[in-house]
Protein backbone atom coordinates (compact mmCIF):
# COMPACT_ATOMS: atom_id res chain seq x y z
CA MET A 1 -65.70 -83.41 -16.11
CA SER A 2 -66.78 -84.66 -19.53
CA GLU A 3 -68.10 -82.35 -22.22
CA GLN A 4 -71.41 -84.23 -22.15
CA THR A 5 -71.81 -83.60 -18.42
CA SER A 6 -70.97 -79.90 -18.85
CA VAL A 7 -73.59 -79.43 -21.55
CA SER A 8 -76.17 -81.24 -19.47
CA ASP A 9 -75.43 -79.11 -16.40
CA TRP A 10 -75.66 -75.69 -17.99
CA ARG A 11 -78.99 -76.58 -19.59
CA ARG A 12 -80.43 -77.03 -16.08
CA ILE A 13 -79.94 -73.32 -15.32
CA ASP A 14 -83.39 -71.71 -15.29
CA LEU A 15 -83.65 -68.14 -14.01
CA SER A 16 -87.44 -68.30 -14.18
CA LYS A 17 -87.19 -70.37 -10.97
CA TYR A 18 -85.47 -67.55 -9.10
CA ASN A 19 -87.25 -66.91 -5.81
CA ASN A 20 -86.19 -64.45 -3.10
CA SER A 21 -89.53 -64.38 -1.31
CA TRP A 22 -87.84 -65.54 1.92
CA TRP A 23 -85.93 -62.26 2.13
CA SER A 24 -87.51 -59.06 3.48
CA PRO A 25 -86.14 -55.54 2.87
CA GLY A 26 -87.27 -54.56 6.37
CA ARG A 27 -89.50 -51.62 5.46
CA SER A 28 -92.74 -50.99 3.59
CA LEU A 29 -92.95 -50.43 -0.14
CA LEU A 30 -93.85 -46.79 0.55
CA THR A 31 -90.70 -46.22 2.61
CA ILE A 32 -88.53 -47.92 -0.01
CA THR A 33 -90.09 -45.83 -2.78
CA LEU A 34 -89.59 -42.58 -0.87
CA TRP A 35 -85.99 -43.51 -0.20
CA ARG A 36 -85.26 -44.36 -3.83
CA LEU A 37 -86.97 -41.26 -5.20
CA PHE A 38 -85.73 -38.68 -2.71
CA GLY A 39 -83.38 -39.90 0.02
CA MET A 40 -80.98 -41.87 -2.15
CA TRP A 41 -80.90 -39.09 -4.73
CA LEU A 42 -80.00 -36.47 -2.11
CA VAL A 43 -77.22 -38.56 -0.55
CA LYS A 44 -75.81 -39.40 -3.97
CA HIS A 45 -76.01 -35.95 -5.58
CA LEU A 46 -75.68 -33.27 -2.91
CA PRO A 47 -72.36 -31.45 -3.42
CA CYS A 48 -69.24 -32.14 -1.36
CA GLU A 49 -67.22 -29.06 -2.22
CA VAL A 50 -65.34 -26.86 0.26
CA TYR A 51 -68.05 -24.19 0.21
CA GLY A 52 -71.02 -25.52 2.13
CA GLU A 53 -69.34 -28.86 2.75
CA GLN A 54 -70.32 -29.09 6.41
CA PHE A 55 -73.90 -28.04 5.71
CA PHE A 56 -74.42 -30.62 2.98
CA ASN A 57 -72.65 -33.30 5.00
CA ARG A 58 -74.99 -32.68 7.93
CA LEU A 59 -77.96 -32.73 5.56
CA LYS A 60 -76.94 -36.11 4.10
CA ILE A 61 -76.48 -37.55 7.57
CA ALA A 62 -79.89 -36.21 8.62
CA VAL A 63 -81.53 -37.82 5.58
CA LEU A 64 -79.84 -41.16 6.25
CA ARG A 65 -80.88 -41.05 9.89
CA ARG A 66 -84.44 -40.14 8.92
CA PHE A 67 -84.57 -43.35 6.93
CA GLY A 68 -83.25 -45.46 9.78
CA ALA A 69 -79.45 -45.40 9.48
CA LYS A 70 -77.55 -45.29 12.78
CA ILE A 71 -74.65 -42.85 12.49
CA GLY A 72 -72.28 -41.72 15.24
CA ARG A 73 -70.50 -38.41 15.70
CA ASN A 74 -68.29 -36.62 13.17
CA ALA A 75 -69.13 -38.83 10.19
CA VAL A 76 -68.08 -37.61 6.74
CA ILE A 77 -70.38 -38.82 3.95
CA ARG A 78 -69.41 -38.03 0.37
CA SER A 79 -71.62 -38.63 -2.67
CA CYS A 80 -72.38 -42.33 -2.30
CA GLU A 81 -75.11 -44.84 -3.04
CA VAL A 82 -76.89 -46.55 -0.14
CA TYR A 83 -79.46 -49.30 -0.49
CA TYR A 84 -81.75 -49.93 2.48
CA PRO A 85 -80.15 -47.40 4.87
CA TRP A 86 -82.05 -48.83 7.85
CA HIS A 87 -79.55 -51.71 7.68
CA VAL A 88 -76.52 -49.39 7.97
CA GLU A 89 -74.72 -48.66 11.24
CA MET A 90 -71.73 -46.34 11.60
CA GLY A 91 -69.68 -45.46 14.67
CA ASP A 92 -67.84 -42.19 15.35
CA ASN A 93 -65.43 -40.52 12.90
CA VAL A 94 -66.40 -42.69 9.92
CA TRP A 95 -65.40 -41.55 6.43
CA VAL A 96 -67.36 -42.73 3.37
CA GLY A 97 -65.87 -41.62 0.05
CA TYR A 98 -67.18 -40.69 -3.39
CA GLU A 99 -69.15 -43.31 -5.36
CA VAL A 100 -69.08 -45.85 -2.53
CA ASN A 101 -71.86 -48.42 -2.79
CA LEU A 102 -73.32 -49.68 0.48
CA TYR A 103 -75.53 -52.51 -0.76
CA ALA A 104 -77.18 -53.34 2.55
CA LEU A 105 -79.69 -56.12 1.97
CA VAL A 106 -78.73 -57.10 5.52
CA PRO A 107 -76.69 -55.09 8.05
CA ILE A 108 -73.47 -53.30 7.19
CA ARG A 109 -71.77 -52.34 10.44
CA LEU A 110 -68.91 -49.82 10.45
CA GLY A 111 -67.07 -49.30 13.73
CA ASN A 112 -65.33 -46.16 14.94
CA ASN A 113 -62.67 -44.48 12.77
CA VAL A 114 -63.50 -46.65 9.74
CA THR A 115 -62.64 -45.48 6.21
CA VAL A 116 -64.45 -46.61 3.07
CA SER A 117 -62.63 -45.06 0.11
CA GLN A 118 -63.82 -44.03 -3.34
CA ARG A 119 -65.78 -46.61 -5.34
CA ALA A 120 -65.49 -49.33 -2.72
CA PHE A 121 -68.42 -51.74 -2.96
CA LEU A 122 -69.70 -53.34 0.24
CA CYS A 123 -72.01 -56.01 -1.14
CA THR A 124 -74.13 -58.02 1.29
CA GLY A 125 -76.00 -59.94 -1.42
CA GLY A 126 -75.06 -62.50 -4.03
CA HIS A 127 -76.37 -65.60 -5.77
CA ASP A 128 -75.83 -69.32 -5.32
CA PRO A 129 -73.90 -70.66 -8.36
CA TYR A 130 -74.72 -74.22 -7.30
CA GLU A 131 -78.48 -73.70 -7.57
CA PRO A 132 -80.11 -73.80 -11.05
CA GLY A 133 -82.48 -71.00 -10.00
CA PHE A 134 -79.59 -68.69 -9.00
CA GLY A 135 -80.94 -68.29 -5.45
CA LEU A 136 -80.26 -65.16 -3.42
CA THR A 137 -77.60 -65.34 -0.71
CA VAL A 138 -76.90 -62.66 1.91
CA GLY A 139 -74.36 -62.02 4.64
CA GLU A 140 -73.61 -59.15 7.02
CA ILE A 141 -70.48 -57.08 6.44
CA VAL A 142 -68.56 -55.74 9.44
CA LEU A 143 -65.66 -53.29 9.40
CA LYS A 144 -64.38 -53.10 12.95
CA ASP A 145 -62.72 -50.07 14.56
CA GLY A 146 -59.98 -48.53 12.45
CA ALA A 147 -60.50 -50.78 9.41
CA TRP A 148 -60.06 -49.39 5.89
CA ALA A 149 -61.70 -50.55 2.67
CA GLY A 150 -59.43 -49.08 -0.02
CA ALA A 151 -60.50 -47.40 -3.24
CA GLY A 152 -62.25 -49.75 -5.64
CA SER A 153 -62.20 -52.68 -3.24
CA PHE A 154 -65.03 -55.22 -3.31
CA ILE A 155 -66.13 -56.61 0.04
CA CYS A 156 -68.13 -59.84 -0.33
CA PRO A 157 -71.15 -60.91 1.74
CA GLY A 158 -70.42 -62.21 5.22
CA VAL A 159 -66.93 -60.70 5.49
CA THR A 160 -65.40 -59.01 8.53
CA LEU A 161 -62.43 -56.67 8.45
CA HIS A 162 -61.04 -56.91 11.97
CA GLU A 163 -59.62 -53.97 13.93
CA GLY A 164 -57.24 -51.89 11.84
CA ALA A 165 -57.31 -54.25 8.84
CA VAL A 166 -56.72 -52.73 5.40
CA ALA A 167 -58.21 -53.99 2.13
CA ALA A 168 -55.85 -52.49 -0.46
CA ALA A 169 -57.17 -50.59 -3.47
CA GLY A 170 -58.83 -52.86 -6.01
CA SER A 171 -58.78 -55.94 -3.80
CA VAL A 172 -61.58 -58.51 -3.71
CA VAL A 173 -62.23 -59.56 -0.12
CA THR A 174 -63.85 -63.00 0.07
CA LYS A 175 -62.81 -63.93 3.63
CA ASP A 176 -62.27 -62.16 6.95
CA LEU A 177 -59.13 -60.02 7.17
CA PRO A 178 -56.95 -60.21 10.29
CA ALA A 179 -56.48 -57.22 12.58
CA MET A 180 -53.76 -54.65 11.80
CA THR A 181 -52.82 -56.35 8.52
CA ILE A 182 -52.60 -54.88 5.02
CA CYS A 183 -54.22 -57.27 2.55
CA GLY A 184 -54.65 -57.15 -1.20
CA GLY A 185 -55.25 -59.06 -4.40
CA ASN A 186 -58.03 -61.24 -5.78
CA PRO A 187 -58.82 -62.91 -3.51
CA ALA A 188 -57.31 -60.61 -0.90
CA LYS A 189 -54.53 -62.14 1.20
CA PRO A 190 -52.27 -60.73 3.93
CA ILE A 191 -49.33 -58.74 2.54
CA LYS A 192 -47.69 -57.25 5.62
CA PRO A 193 -48.48 -56.01 9.12
CA ARG A 194 -49.90 -52.51 9.48
CA VAL A 195 -47.21 -50.86 11.59
CA PHE A 196 -47.61 -47.14 12.23
CA ARG A 197 -44.65 -45.06 11.08
CA GLU A 198 -43.79 -43.72 14.55
CA ASP A 199 -43.67 -47.28 15.90
CA ALA A 200 -41.49 -48.45 13.02
CA GLU A 201 -39.07 -45.55 13.64
CA LYS A 202 -38.86 -46.43 17.32
CA GLN A 203 -38.14 -50.05 16.46
CA ALA A 204 -35.44 -48.98 14.00
CA LEU A 205 -33.74 -46.87 16.68
CA ALA A 206 -33.96 -49.55 19.36
């Protein structure tokens, strides 16, 4: 690409043309305001210490459910940030760690026995770099049964972690991850199979 073409292209970028009017948050302005002022604050700031841990965990789950989140049994919710909780679905035995960001412009679906570790960012929204107006793009995120988003991982819009898949700490997941595979890097790629220790020991003795 010539320098002249590059200069011409970047001058076409005009953020005043940004328009996301096609997207709907799914609830009224009143509900969104109440969530941001009260619900989000409670889920983000209620303590998670040993004393009173179960009480505060139940309270956070109750608040999330009150605002439309679907949460199964035995969930553990640490101090995290949730946008548009009515788009969030969790199965049984889900763990969500400290400072996790569930940016649910569209659904985020967590299966049973899913772990989302500290500071993981599940981001369902982005922008189109090929549009001068920087148009909004969205895509559902699905973590199937037994999947694990490691600490500090970034899960991009439209991505699925299949059953038992692991996104290693700090990885950037731009494409679906295969089942029972440990993946990492930027962009995340398969590193090795996820073989449970007891199975590996049996194989070694065989």
